[in-house]
Amino acid sequence: MPEQASSQRLGIAVEIANELLEAALEPALWPPALARLAGELGCERLLLLRADGVRRIVLATSDLDPAAVRRLAGRRADPEAERLLVLPPRHRELPLGGDPSLRLLIDRGELAGAAGELLDRVGPLLVKAWKLTDALAASRRNQNWTAGVLERLATGVLVLDPAGRILQSNPAARRQLQTQAELSVERGQLRARSLGLQRSLAELLARASRFDGRGTATESILLAREAPAGPLEMLVVASPRFSDADPAAVGVALLFDPRREEENPAVVLARRYHLGFEESQVVALLLRGRDIPEIAAALDVPRDAVAACLKSLYQQVGTTRQVELVKLLLAQFGTLA
């Protein structure tokens, strides 16, 4: 009998291992795989977490929307995610082995006997499966900034290195640059006619190259055009986090006519993700680097209302961070046909 029970437990571990391997290749399968593991452990809910100091960032759960898992996989740790973590009344955080930053949160006080033995067996495999999911998703995201993707955007896009050299551009950006005289491209480098604007752009990009992984700098510039055309807006977002798409990239400049909705990056994101009016307003301010107090002041609403909107936005888009929103704008999976 003990031998038969041991064989049965081994069979369950193998079945869960197979489900985790399938989930590694398809992020949408993580919730059912974790739900199966939860059932075998005697839990109602499991949460896979990344520990970042004292913060806990949700990566996948046994009941998370599969689309949300796809959005979270392959992305750097996002502090906004911790807002989604609501601890059950009884819970315990368990290490999984192989990576001290990955933890499993269970809604039980402890695991013992067969349940503890099962987690010892599948825990290290769970870590490897998530790392594979993360790596594959990051690789797909890195390949998304292709010429074919950028060509379909009505928003002008310039991807810049620390010296202001243009690593990538799309037809919309080249067309819009021709309608104004304040910026030009000389030998592949973005140059400003005025010394003040040139110095401002150079300082912005140089500062971003010195940031740690979380630093971001933003500048919004209006570029005058001849009447009757109104000014172009150039929104420059600089951060070392763009390097996961191109190792040399530290900044993305978005060029658009604020009066044309099809060019406005906030409107493009709102349409792709079917955001409401309030959420689209918040996205526009997030893209400009505004924080909660600044957004509340700009919209003349309480901070609690902004925080609630950010939570709703996170659930629909997968992030509320400025750089990640820019990446979503340039990503293939979000491109309109």
C-alpha atoms as a PDB file:
ATOM      1  CA  MET A   1       0.000   0.000   0.000  1.00  0.00           C
ATOM      2  CA  PRO A   2       2.728   2.556   0.839  1.00  0.00           C
ATOM      3  CA  GLU A   3       4.419   1.691  -2.463  1.00  0.00           C
ATOM      4  CA  GLN A   4       1.125   2.161  -4.336  1.00  0.00           C
ATOM      5  CA  ALA A   5       0.523   5.544  -2.653  1.00  0.00           C
ATOM      6  CA  SER A   6       4.049   6.660  -3.515  1.00  0.00           C
ATOM      7  CA  SER A   7       3.537   5.639  -7.128  1.00  0.00           C
ATOM      8  CA  GLN A   8       0.248   7.560  -7.230  1.00  0.00           C
ATOM      9  CA  ARG A   9       1.901  10.706  -5.844  1.00  0.00           C
ATOM     10  CA  LEU A  10       4.662  10.400  -8.416  1.00  0.00           C
ATOM     11  CA  GLY A  11       2.061  10.112 -11.168  1.00  0.00           C
ATOM     12  CA  ILE A  12       0.344  13.297  -9.952  1.00  0.00           C
ATOM     13  CA  ALA A  13       3.702  15.105  -9.901  1.00  0.00           C
ATOM     14  CA  VAL A  14       4.393  14.011 -13.498  1.00  0.00           C
ATOM     15  CA  GLU A  15       0.957  15.216 -14.642  1.00  0.00           C
ATOM     16  CA  ILE A  16       1.488  18.611 -12.989  1.00  0.00           C
ATOM     17  CA  ALA A  17       4.978  18.797 -14.504  1.00  0.00           C
ATOM     18  CA  ASN A  18       3.488  18.251 -17.970  1.00  0.00           C
ATOM     19  CA  GLU A  19       0.923  21.023 -17.376  1.00  0.00           C
ATOM     20  CA  LEU A  20       3.678  23.399 -16.229  1.00  0.00           C
ATOM     21  CA  LEU A  21       5.726  22.652 -19.336  1.00  0.00           C
ATOM     22  CA  GLU A  22       2.704  23.419 -21.514  1.00  0.00           C
ATOM     23  CA  ALA A  23       2.182  26.647 -19.548  1.00  0.00           C
ATOM     24  CA  ALA A  24       5.827  27.568 -20.114  1.00  0.00           C
ATOM     25  CA  LEU A  25       5.129  27.692 -23.852  1.00  0.00           C
ATOM     26  CA  GLU A  26       1.676  29.295 -23.599  1.00  0.00           C
ATOM     27  CA  PRO A  27       1.224  31.826 -20.754  1.00  0.00           C
ATOM     28  CA  ALA A  28      -2.573  31.529 -20.904  1.00  0.00           C
ATOM     29  CA  LEU A  29      -2.243  27.976 -19.497  1.00  0.00           C
ATOM     30  CA  TRP A  30      -0.687  29.130 -16.222  1.00  0.00           C
ATOM     31  CA  PRO A  31      -4.010  29.654 -14.376  1.00  0.00           C
ATOM     32  CA  PRO A  32      -5.304  26.100 -15.012  1.00  0.00           C
ATOM     33  CA  ALA A  33      -1.864  24.630 -14.216  1.00  0.00           C
ATOM     34  CA  LEU A  34      -1.754  26.483 -10.900  1.00  0.00           C
ATOM     35  CA  ALA A  35      -5.386  25.580 -10.213  1.00  0.00           C
ATOM     36  CA  ARG A  36      -4.492  21.886 -10.623  1.00  0.00           C
ATOM     37  CA  LEU A  37      -1.555  22.296  -8.248  1.00  0.00           C
ATOM     38  CA  ALA A  38      -3.790  24.192  -5.774  1.00  0.00           C
ATOM     39  CA  GLY A  39      -6.254  21.313  -5.727  1.00  0.00           C
ATOM     40  CA  GLU A  40      -3.533  18.756  -5.035  1.00  0.00           C
ATOM     41  CA  LEU A  41      -2.132  20.918  -2.237  1.00  0.00           C
ATOM     42  CA  GLY A  42      -5.546  21.373  -0.646  1.00  0.00           C
ATOM     43  CA  CYS A  43      -5.658  25.115  -1.423  1.00  0.00           C
ATOM     44  CA  GLU A  44      -8.378  27.213  -3.003  1.00  0.00           C
ATOM     45  CA  ARG A  45      -5.967  29.710  -4.546  1.00  0.00           C
ATOM     46  CA  LEU A  46      -2.257  29.937  -5.408  1.00  0.00           C
ATOM     47  CA  LEU A  47      -0.271  33.022  -6.318  1.00  0.00           C
ATOM     48  CA  LEU A  48       3.135  32.940  -8.019  1.00  0.00           C
ATOM     49  CA  LEU A  49       5.073  35.982  -6.804  1.00  0.00           C
ATOM     50  CA  ARG A  50       8.332  37.745  -7.497  1.00  0.00           C
ATOM     51  CA  ALA A  51       9.994  39.101  -4.369  1.00  0.00           C
ATOM     52  CA  ASP A  52      11.618  42.498  -4.861  1.00  0.00           C
ATOM     53  CA  GLY A  53      12.874  43.550  -1.454  1.00  0.00           C
ATOM     54  CA  VAL A  54       9.806  43.941   0.741  1.00  0.00           C
ATOM     55  CA  ARG A  55       7.476  44.157  -2.268  1.00  0.00           C
ATOM     56  CA  ARG A  56       5.626  41.191  -3.698  1.00  0.00           C
ATOM     57  CA  ILE A  57       4.690  41.334  -7.368  1.00  0.00           C
ATOM     58  CA  VAL A  58       2.023  39.015  -8.768  1.00  0.00           C
ATOM     59  CA  LEU A  59       3.145  37.028 -11.821  1.00  0.00           C
ATOM     60  CA  ALA A  60       0.359  34.460 -12.166  1.00  0.00           C
ATOM     61  CA  THR A  61      -2.438  33.022 -10.067  1.00  0.00           C
ATOM     62  CA  SER A  62      -4.729  30.043 -10.242  1.00  0.00           C
ATOM     63  CA  ASP A  63      -7.642  32.362 -11.114  1.00  0.00           C
ATOM     64  CA  LEU A  64      -6.009  35.240 -13.042  1.00  0.00           C
ATOM     65  CA  ASP A  65      -7.362  36.189 -16.452  1.00  0.00           C
ATOM     66  CA  PRO A  66      -5.128  34.328 -18.967  1.00  0.00           C
ATOM     67  CA  ALA A  67      -4.755  37.518 -21.032  1.00  0.00           C
ATOM     68  CA  ALA A  68      -3.311  39.256 -17.969  1.00  0.00           C
ATOM     69  CA  VAL A  69      -0.671  36.519 -17.605  1.00  0.00           C
ATOM     70  CA  ARG A  70       0.372  37.135 -21.208  1.00  0.00           C
ATOM     71  CA  ARG A  71       0.780  40.848 -20.452  1.00  0.00           C
ATOM     72  CA  LEU A  72       2.827  40.215 -17.292  1.00  0.00           C
ATOM     73  CA  ALA A  73       5.182  37.602 -18.763  1.00  0.00           C
ATOM     74  CA  GLY A  74       8.454  38.880 -20.179  1.00  0.00           C
ATOM     75  CA  ARG A  75       8.183  42.283 -18.569  1.00  0.00           C
ATOM     76  CA  ARG A  76      10.395  43.771 -15.893  1.00  0.00           C
ATOM     77  CA  ALA A  77       9.011  43.869 -12.388  1.00  0.00           C
ATOM     78  CA  ASP A  78       6.303  46.513 -12.180  1.00  0.00           C
ATOM     79  CA  PRO A  79       5.699  48.037  -8.728  1.00  0.00           C
ATOM     80  CA  GLU A  80       2.127  48.835  -9.748  1.00  0.00           C
ATOM     81  CA  ALA A  81       1.407  45.101  -9.670  1.00  0.00           C
ATOM     82  CA  GLU A  82       1.699  44.963  -5.902  1.00  0.00           C
ATOM     83  CA  ARG A  83      -1.592  46.854  -5.705  1.00  0.00           C
ATOM     84  CA  LEU A  84      -3.316  43.745  -7.004  1.00  0.00           C
ATOM     85  CA  LEU A  85      -2.016  41.574  -4.162  1.00  0.00           C
ATOM     86  CA  VAL A  86      -4.829  41.034  -1.638  1.00  0.00           C
ATOM     87  CA  LEU A  87      -3.703  38.499   0.941  1.00  0.00           C
ATOM     88  CA  PRO A  88      -6.199  35.821   2.049  1.00  0.00           C
ATOM     89  CA  PRO A  89      -6.994  35.669   5.802  1.00  0.00           C
ATOM     90  CA  ARG A  90      -4.770  32.607   6.194  1.00  0.00           C
ATOM     91  CA  HIS A  91      -1.720  32.480   4.018  1.00  0.00           C
ATOM     92  CA  ARG A  92       1.865  31.404   3.868  1.00  0.00           C
ATOM     93  CA  GLU A  93       4.673  32.274   1.470  1.00  0.00           C
ATOM     94  CA  LEU A  94       6.842  29.368   0.416  1.00  0.00           C
ATOM     95  CA  PRO A  95      10.203  29.283  -1.403  1.00  0.00           C
ATOM     96  CA  LEU A  96      10.292  27.170  -4.527  1.00  0.00           C
ATOM     97  CA  GLY A  97      13.990  26.349  -4.889  1.00  0.00           C
ATOM     98  CA  GLY A  98      16.258  27.408  -7.720  1.00  0.00           C
ATOM     99  CA  ASP A  99      15.468  31.129  -7.514  1.00  0.00           C
ATOM    100  CA  PRO A 100      15.047  32.950  -4.196  1.00  0.00           C
ATOM    101  CA  SER A 101      13.062  35.747  -5.867  1.00  0.00           C
ATOM    102  CA  LEU A 102      10.198  33.446  -6.902  1.00  0.00           C
ATOM    103  CA  ARG A 103       7.710  32.443  -4.201  1.00  0.00           C
ATOM    104  CA  LEU A 104       4.396  30.629  -3.953  1.00  0.00           C
ATOM    105  CA  LEU A 105       1.647  32.107  -1.769  1.00  0.00           C
ATOM    106  CA  ILE A 106      -0.858  29.554  -0.466  1.00  0.00           C
ATOM    107  CA  ASP A 107      -4.102  30.157   1.436  1.00  0.00           C
ATOM    108  CA  ARG A 108      -3.180  27.637   4.118  1.00  0.00           C
ATOM    109  CA  GLY A 109      -1.158  28.006   7.259  1.00  0.00           C
ATOM    110  CA  GLU A 110       1.167  25.129   6.395  1.00  0.00           C
ATOM    111  CA  LEU A 111       1.767  22.164   4.137  1.00  0.00           C
ATOM    112  CA  ALA A 112       2.549  18.772   5.538  1.00  0.00           C
ATOM    113  CA  GLY A 113       2.846  15.170   4.476  1.00  0.00           C
ATOM    114  CA  ALA A 114       2.015  14.382   0.864  1.00  0.00           C
ATOM    115  CA  ALA A 115       1.268  18.031  -0.015  1.00  0.00           C
ATOM    116  CA  GLY A 116       4.679  19.198   1.198  1.00  0.00           C
ATOM    117  CA  GLU A 117       6.378  16.340  -0.635  1.00  0.00           C
ATOM    118  CA  LEU A 118       4.548  17.245  -3.861  1.00  0.00           C
ATOM    119  CA  LEU A 119       5.634  20.882  -3.677  1.00  0.00           C
ATOM    120  CA  ASP A 120       9.225  19.810  -3.029  1.00  0.00           C
ATOM    121  CA  ARG A 121       9.075  17.820  -6.263  1.00  0.00           C
ATOM    122  CA  VAL A 122       7.372  20.322  -8.555  1.00  0.00           C
ATOM    123  CA  GLY A 123       8.612  23.592  -7.006  1.00  0.00           C
ATOM    124  CA  PRO A 124      11.959  23.734  -8.859  1.00  0.00           C
ATOM    125  CA  LEU A 125      10.219  22.769 -12.109  1.00  0.00           C
ATOM    126  CA  LEU A 126       7.640  25.529 -11.546  1.00  0.00           C
ATOM    127  CA  VAL A 127      10.521  28.033 -11.286  1.00  0.00           C
ATOM    128  CA  LYS A 128      12.114  26.765 -14.508  1.00  0.00           C
ATOM    129  CA  ALA A 129       8.757  26.824 -16.304  1.00  0.00           C
ATOM    130  CA  TRP A 130       8.095  30.448 -15.348  1.00  0.00           C
ATOM    131  CA  LYS A 131      11.624  31.479 -16.352  1.00  0.00           C
ATOM    132  CA  LEU A 132      11.045  29.891 -19.744  1.00  0.00           C
ATOM    133  CA  THR A 133       7.682  31.663 -20.076  1.00  0.00           C
ATOM    134  CA  ASP A 134       9.336  34.942 -19.113  1.00  0.00           C
ATOM    135  CA  ALA A 135      12.240  34.495 -21.517  1.00  0.00           C
ATOM    136  CA  LEU A 136      10.041  33.513 -24.458  1.00  0.00           C
ATOM    137  CA  ALA A 137       7.642  36.406 -23.858  1.00  0.00           C
ATOM    138  CA  ALA A 138      10.534  38.863 -23.528  1.00  0.00           C
ATOM    139  CA  SER A 139      12.037  37.526 -26.756  1.00  0.00           C
ATOM    140  CA  ARG A 140       8.746  38.014 -28.601  1.00  0.00           C
ATOM    141  CA  ARG A 141       8.461  41.511 -27.186  1.00  0.00           C
ATOM    142  CA  ASN A 142      12.032  42.309 -28.245  1.00  0.00           C
ATOM    143  CA  GLN A 143      11.210  41.297 -31.819  1.00  0.00           C
ATOM    144  CA  ASN A 144       8.039  43.365 -31.932  1.00  0.00           C
ATOM    145  CA  TRP A 145       9.724  46.657 -32.865  1.00  0.00           C
ATOM    146  CA  THR A 146      10.090  45.590 -36.477  1.00  0.00           C
ATOM    147  CA  ALA A 147       9.834  47.899 -39.450  1.00  0.00           C
ATOM    148  CA  GLY A 148       6.528  46.266 -40.413  1.00  0.00           C
ATOM    149  CA  VAL A 149       5.007  47.128 -37.035  1.00  0.00           C
ATOM    150  CA  LEU A 150       6.223  50.716 -36.938  1.00  0.00           C
ATOM    151  CA  GLU A 151       5.144  51.349 -40.529  1.00  0.00           C
ATOM    152  CA  ARG A 152       1.508  50.790 -39.575  1.00  0.00           C
ATOM    153  CA  LEU A 153       1.576  53.448 -36.869  1.00  0.00           C
ATOM    154  CA  ALA A 154       0.210  56.880 -37.699  1.00  0.00           C
ATOM    155  CA  THR A 155       2.230  58.180 -34.739  1.00  0.00           C
ATOM    156  CA  GLY A 156       5.759  59.137 -35.740  1.00  0.00           C
ATOM    157  CA  VAL A 157       8.407  57.064 -33.928  1.00  0.00           C
ATOM    158  CA  LEU A 158      12.128  57.718 -33.529  1.00  0.00           C
ATOM    159  CA  VAL A 159      14.192  55.293 -31.440  1.00  0.00           C
ATOM    160  CA  LEU A 160      17.330  57.073 -30.212  1.00  0.00           C
ATOM    161  CA  ASP A 161      20.692  56.159 -28.710  1.00  0.00           C
ATOM    162  CA  PRO A 162      22.512  58.314 -26.094  1.00  0.00           C
ATOM    163  CA  ALA A 163      24.127  60.461 -28.804  1.00  0.00           C
ATOM    164  CA  GLY A 164      20.805  61.177 -30.516  1.00  0.00           C
ATOM    165  CA  ARG A 165      21.473  58.791 -33.387  1.00  0.00           C
ATOM    166  CA  ILE A 166      18.309  57.343 -34.906  1.00  0.00           C
ATOM    167  CA  LEU A 167      18.268  53.577 -34.490  1.00  0.00           C
ATOM    168  CA  GLN A 168      14.774  53.126 -35.943  1.00  0.00           C
ATOM    169  CA  SER A 169      12.167  55.383 -37.482  1.00  0.00           C
ATOM    170  CA  ASN A 170       8.882  54.942 -39.299  1.00  0.00           C
ATOM    171  CA  PRO A 171       7.394  56.659 -42.361  1.00  0.00           C
ATOM    172  CA  ALA A 172       5.092  58.783 -40.188  1.00  0.00           C
ATOM    173  CA  ALA A 173       8.085  60.277 -38.345  1.00  0.00           C
ATOM    174  CA  ARG A 174       9.980  60.994 -41.558  1.00  0.00           C
ATOM    175  CA  ARG A 175       6.918  62.614 -43.074  1.00  0.00           C
ATOM    176  CA  GLN A 176       6.225  64.748 -40.012  1.00  0.00           C
ATOM    177  CA  LEU A 177       9.827  65.918 -39.736  1.00  0.00           C
ATOM    178  CA  GLN A 178       9.517  67.320 -43.254  1.00  0.00           C
ATOM    179  CA  THR A 179       6.595  69.549 -42.212  1.00  0.00           C
ATOM    180  CA  GLN A 180       8.617  71.576 -39.686  1.00  0.00           C
ATOM    181  CA  ALA A 181      12.024  73.287 -39.576  1.00  0.00           C
ATOM    182  CA  GLU A 182      13.082  73.027 -35.926  1.00  0.00           C
ATOM    183  CA  LEU A 183      14.474  69.479 -36.195  1.00  0.00           C
ATOM    184  CA  SER A 184      16.407  67.737 -38.932  1.00  0.00           C
ATOM    185  CA  VAL A 185      18.318  64.514 -39.477  1.00  0.00           C
ATOM    186  CA  GLU A 186      22.001  64.899 -40.291  1.00  0.00           C
ATOM    187  CA  ARG A 187      24.047  61.773 -40.968  1.00  0.00           C
ATOM    188  CA  GLY A 188      21.564  59.673 -39.081  1.00  0.00           C
ATOM    189  CA  GLN A 189      21.502  61.961 -36.028  1.00  0.00           C
ATOM    190  CA  LEU A 190      18.575  64.044 -34.786  1.00  0.00           C
ATOM    191  CA  ARG A 191      19.655  67.694 -34.722  1.00  0.00           C
ATOM    192  CA  ALA A 192      17.850  70.822 -33.478  1.00  0.00           C
ATOM    193  CA  ARG A 193      18.141  74.196 -35.188  1.00  0.00           C
ATOM    194  CA  SER A 194      18.291  76.095 -31.888  1.00  0.00           C
ATOM    195  CA  LEU A 195      21.169  75.589 -29.481  1.00  0.00           C
ATOM    196  CA  GLY A 196      18.785  75.502 -26.513  1.00  0.00           C
ATOM    197  CA  LEU A 197      16.680  72.666 -27.927  1.00  0.00           C
ATOM    198  CA  GLN A 198      19.785  70.739 -28.993  1.00  0.00           C
ATOM    199  CA  ARG A 199      21.242  71.026 -25.494  1.00  0.00           C
ATOM    200  CA  SER A 200      17.939  69.982 -23.918  1.00  0.00           C
ATOM    201  CA  LEU A 201      17.674  66.827 -26.060  1.00  0.00           C
ATOM    202  CA  ALA A 202      21.329  65.914 -25.485  1.00  0.00           C
ATOM    203  CA  GLU A 203      20.990  66.296 -21.713  1.00  0.00           C
ATOM    204  CA  LEU A 204      17.797  64.246 -21.670  1.00  0.00           C
ATOM    205  CA  LEU A 205      19.346  61.294 -23.516  1.00  0.00           C
ATOM    206  CA  ALA A 206      22.644  61.493 -21.642  1.00  0.00           C
ATOM    207  CA  ARG A 207      20.808  61.517 -18.308  1.00  0.00           C
ATOM    208  CA  ALA A 208      18.804  58.427 -19.287  1.00  0.00           C
ATOM    209  CA  SER A 209      21.975  56.501 -20.098  1.00  0.00           C
ATOM    210  CA  ARG A 210      23.146  57.111 -16.503  1.00  0.00           C
ATOM    211  CA  PHE A 211      19.884  56.019 -14.864  1.00  0.00           C
ATOM    212  CA  ASP A 212      19.452  52.759 -13.037  1.00  0.00           C
ATOM    213  CA  GLY A 213      16.780  50.351 -14.272  1.00  0.00           C
ATOM    214  CA  ARG A 214      13.871  52.465 -12.987  1.00  0.00           C
ATOM    215  CA  GLY A 215      14.896  55.971 -14.049  1.00  0.00           C
ATOM    216  CA  THR A 216      12.836  57.840 -16.627  1.00  0.00           C
ATOM    217  CA  ALA A 217      13.065  61.347 -18.059  1.00  0.00           C
ATOM    218  CA  THR A 218      10.388  63.012 -20.187  1.00  0.00           C
ATOM    219  CA  GLU A 219      10.080  66.152 -22.251  1.00  0.00           C
ATOM    220  CA  SER A 220       7.207  67.391 -24.384  1.00  0.00           C
ATOM    221  CA  ILE A 221       8.197  69.811 -27.156  1.00  0.00           C
ATOM    222  CA  LEU A 222       5.967  71.762 -29.540  1.00  0.00           C
ATOM    223  CA  LEU A 223       7.452  72.133 -33.020  1.00  0.00           C
ATOM    224  CA  ALA A 224       6.133  75.127 -34.942  1.00  0.00           C
ATOM    225  CA  ARG A 225       4.857  74.690 -38.502  1.00  0.00           C
ATOM    226  CA  GLU A 226       3.746  77.131 -41.136  1.00  0.00           C
ATOM    227  CA  ALA A 227       0.081  78.193 -41.079  1.00  0.00           C
ATOM    228  CA  PRO A 228      -2.523  76.864 -41.369  1.00  0.00           C
ATOM    229  CA  ALA A 229      -0.938  73.733 -39.875  1.00  0.00           C
ATOM    230  CA  GLY A 230      -0.810  73.729 -36.096  1.00  0.00           C
ATOM    231  CA  PRO A 231       2.300  72.713 -34.134  1.00  0.00           C
ATOM    232  CA  LEU A 232       3.548  69.166 -33.911  1.00  0.00           C
ATOM    233  CA  GLU A 233       4.083  67.663 -30.488  1.00  0.00           C
ATOM    234  CA  MET A 234       7.218  65.620 -29.864  1.00  0.00           C
ATOM    235  CA  LEU A 235       7.036  63.567 -26.680  1.00  0.00           C
ATOM    236  CA  VAL A 236      10.476  62.223 -25.742  1.00  0.00           C
ATOM    237  CA  VAL A 237      10.610  59.428 -23.168  1.00  0.00           C
ATOM    238  CA  ALA A 238      14.134  58.433 -22.140  1.00  0.00           C
ATOM    239  CA  SER A 239      14.954  55.365 -20.050  1.00  0.00           C
ATOM    240  CA  PRO A 240      17.462  52.492 -20.041  1.00  0.00           C
ATOM    241  CA  ARG A 241      14.455  50.135 -19.999  1.00  0.00           C
ATOM    242  CA  PHE A 242      14.130  50.575 -23.764  1.00  0.00           C
ATOM    243  CA  SER A 243      17.328  48.544 -24.098  1.00  0.00           C
ATOM    244  CA  ASP A 244      15.384  45.276 -23.864  1.00  0.00           C
ATOM    245  CA  ALA A 245      14.137  45.995 -27.394  1.00  0.00           C
ATOM    246  CA  ASP A 246      17.444  47.409 -28.694  1.00  0.00           C
ATOM    247  CA  PRO A 247      20.597  47.321 -26.525  1.00  0.00           C
ATOM    248  CA  ALA A 248      21.653  50.784 -27.731  1.00  0.00           C
ATOM    249  CA  ALA A 249      18.253  52.460 -27.234  1.00  0.00           C
ATOM    250  CA  VAL A 250      17.763  54.955 -24.405  1.00  0.00           C
ATOM    251  CA  GLY A 251      14.898  57.021 -25.771  1.00  0.00           C
ATOM    252  CA  VAL A 252      11.774  57.026 -27.926  1.00  0.00           C
ATOM    253  CA  ALA A 253      10.444  60.212 -29.501  1.00  0.00           C
ATOM    254  CA  LEU A 254       6.767  60.204 -30.485  1.00  0.00           C
ATOM    255  CA  LEU A 255       5.776  62.783 -33.114  1.00  0.00           C
ATOM    256  CA  PHE A 256       2.113  63.607 -33.663  1.00  0.00           C
ATOM    257  CA  ASP A 257      -0.397  66.316 -34.450  1.00  0.00           C
ATOM    258  CA  PRO A 258      -2.401  66.716 -31.204  1.00  0.00           C
ATOM    259  CA  ARG A 259      -5.504  67.528 -33.245  1.00  0.00           C
ATOM    260  CA  ARG A 260      -5.449  64.227 -35.132  1.00  0.00           C
ATOM    261  CA  GLU A 261      -6.778  61.375 -33.007  1.00  0.00           C
ATOM    262  CA  GLU A 262      -5.256  58.652 -35.190  1.00  0.00           C
ATOM    263  CA  GLU A 263      -1.779  60.056 -34.427  1.00  0.00           C
ATOM    264  CA  ASN A 264      -2.241  60.732 -30.702  1.00  0.00           C
ATOM    265  CA  PRO A 265      -0.516  57.880 -28.792  1.00  0.00           C
ATOM    266  CA  ALA A 266      -2.961  58.053 -25.878  1.00  0.00           C
ATOM    267  CA  VAL A 267      -5.940  57.725 -28.221  1.00  0.00           C
ATOM    268  CA  VAL A 268      -4.258  54.845 -30.090  1.00  0.00           C
ATOM    269  CA  LEU A 269      -3.746  52.922 -26.837  1.00  0.00           C
ATOM    270  CA  ALA A 270      -7.283  53.730 -25.655  1.00  0.00           C
ATOM    271  CA  ARG A 271      -8.763  52.301 -28.865  1.00  0.00           C
ATOM    272  CA  ARG A 272      -6.600  49.189 -28.817  1.00  0.00           C
ATOM    273  CA  TYR A 273      -7.534  48.291 -25.266  1.00  0.00           C
ATOM    274  CA  HIS A 274     -11.102  49.650 -25.331  1.00  0.00           C
ATOM    275  CA  LEU A 275     -10.468  52.124 -22.525  1.00  0.00           C
ATOM    276  CA  GLY A 276     -13.102  54.495 -21.173  1.00  0.00           C
ATOM    277  CA  PHE A 277     -12.897  58.278 -21.350  1.00  0.00           C
ATOM    278  CA  GLU A 278     -11.430  58.693 -17.844  1.00  0.00           C
ATOM    279  CA  GLU A 279      -8.842  55.962 -18.423  1.00  0.00           C
ATOM    280  CA  SER A 280      -7.774  57.493 -21.741  1.00  0.00           C
ATOM    281  CA  GLN A 281      -7.267  60.845 -20.005  1.00  0.00           C
ATOM    282  CA  VAL A 282      -5.087  59.173 -17.393  1.00  0.00           C
ATOM    283  CA  VAL A 283      -3.080  57.369 -20.105  1.00  0.00           C
ATOM    284  CA  ALA A 284      -2.362  60.696 -21.815  1.00  0.00           C
ATOM    285  CA  LEU A 285      -0.937  62.085 -18.570  1.00  0.00           C
ATOM    286  CA  LEU A 286       0.973  58.891 -17.724  1.00  0.00           C
ATOM    287  CA  LEU A 287       2.682  59.068 -21.111  1.00  0.00           C
ATOM    288  CA  ARG A 288       3.893  62.525 -20.108  1.00  0.00           C
ATOM    289  CA  GLY A 289       5.367  61.186 -16.889  1.00  0.00           C
ATOM    290  CA  ARG A 290       2.754  62.530 -14.474  1.00  0.00           C
ATOM    291  CA  ASP A 291       2.272  60.929 -11.051  1.00  0.00           C
ATOM    292  CA  ILE A 292      -0.951  60.505  -9.054  1.00  0.00           C
ATOM    293  CA  PRO A 293      -0.965  63.997  -7.441  1.00  0.00           C
ATOM    294  CA  GLU A 294      -0.212  65.655 -10.771  1.00  0.00           C
ATOM    295  CA  ILE A 295      -2.895  63.653 -12.573  1.00  0.00           C
ATOM    296  CA  ALA A 296      -5.439  64.498  -9.865  1.00  0.00           C
ATOM    297  CA  ALA A 297      -4.584  68.200 -10.136  1.00  0.00           C
ATOM    298  CA  ALA A 298      -4.718  68.194 -13.937  1.00  0.00           C
ATOM    299  CA  LEU A 299      -8.116  66.468 -14.030  1.00  0.00           C
ATOM    300  CA  ASP A 300      -9.427  68.218 -10.892  1.00  0.00           C
ATOM    301  CA  VAL A 301     -10.443  64.950  -9.244  1.00  0.00           C
ATOM    302  CA  PRO A 302      -9.568  63.338  -5.876  1.00  0.00           C
ATOM    303  CA  ARG A 303      -6.403  61.235  -5.683  1.00  0.00           C
ATOM    304  CA  ASP A 304      -8.470  58.221  -4.646  1.00  0.00           C
ATOM    305  CA  ALA A 305     -10.352  58.478  -7.952  1.00  0.00           C
ATOM    306  CA  VAL A 306      -7.053  58.475  -9.854  1.00  0.00           C
ATOM    307  CA  ALA A 307      -5.815  55.471  -7.864  1.00  0.00           C
ATOM    308  CA  ALA A 308      -9.021  53.556  -8.655  1.00  0.00           C
ATOM    309  CA  CYS A 309      -8.659  54.429 -12.329  1.00  0.00           C
ATOM    310  CA  LEU A 310      -5.043  53.238 -12.310  1.00  0.00           C
ATOM    311  CA  LYS A 311      -6.106  49.896 -10.847  1.00  0.00           C
ATOM    312  CA  SER A 312      -8.744  49.483 -13.556  1.00  0.00           C
ATOM    313  CA  LEU A 313      -6.219  50.506 -16.198  1.00  0.00           C
ATOM    314  CA  TYR A 314      -3.697  47.981 -14.915  1.00  0.00           C
ATOM    315  CA  GLN A 315      -6.232  45.175 -15.085  1.00  0.00           C
ATOM    316  CA  GLN A 316      -7.015  46.000 -18.728  1.00  0.00           C
ATOM    317  CA  VAL A 317      -3.571  46.901 -20.074  1.00  0.00           C
ATOM    318  CA  GLY A 318      -1.138  45.137 -17.718  1.00  0.00           C
ATOM    319  CA  THR A 319       0.829  48.232 -16.672  1.00  0.00           C
ATOM    320  CA  THR A 320       0.520  51.863 -15.631  1.00  0.00           C
ATOM    321  CA  ARG A 321       4.198  52.692 -16.089  1.00  0.00           C
ATOM    322  CA  GLN A 322       5.173  55.246 -18.689  1.00  0.00           C
ATOM    323  CA  VAL A 323       7.910  53.264 -20.445  1.00  0.00           C
ATOM    324  CA  GLU A 324       5.777  50.121 -20.614  1.00  0.00           C
ATOM    325  CA  LEU A 325       2.905  52.097 -22.142  1.00  0.00           C
ATOM    326  CA  VAL A 326       5.261  53.352 -24.856  1.00  0.00           C
ATOM    327  CA  LYS A 327       6.400  49.764 -25.466  1.00  0.00           C
ATOM    328  CA  LEU A 328       2.775  48.660 -25.818  1.00  0.00           C
ATOM    329  CA  LEU A 329       2.255  51.397 -28.390  1.00  0.00           C
ATOM    330  CA  LEU A 330       5.110  49.940 -30.460  1.00  0.00           C
ATOM    331  CA  ALA A 331       4.288  46.285 -29.857  1.00  0.00           C
ATOM    332  CA  GLN A 332       3.053  43.983 -32.581  1.00  0.00           C
ATOM    333  CA  PHE A 333       0.328  42.310 -30.507  1.00  0.00           C
ATOM    334  CA  GLY A 334      -1.348  45.676 -30.040  1.00  0.00           C
ATOM    335  CA  THR A 335      -1.128  46.969 -33.584  1.00  0.00           C
ATOM    336  CA  LEU A 336      -4.342  47.771 -35.388  1.00  0.00           C
ATOM    337  CA  ALA A 337      -4.774  46.218 -38.784  1.00  0.00           C
END
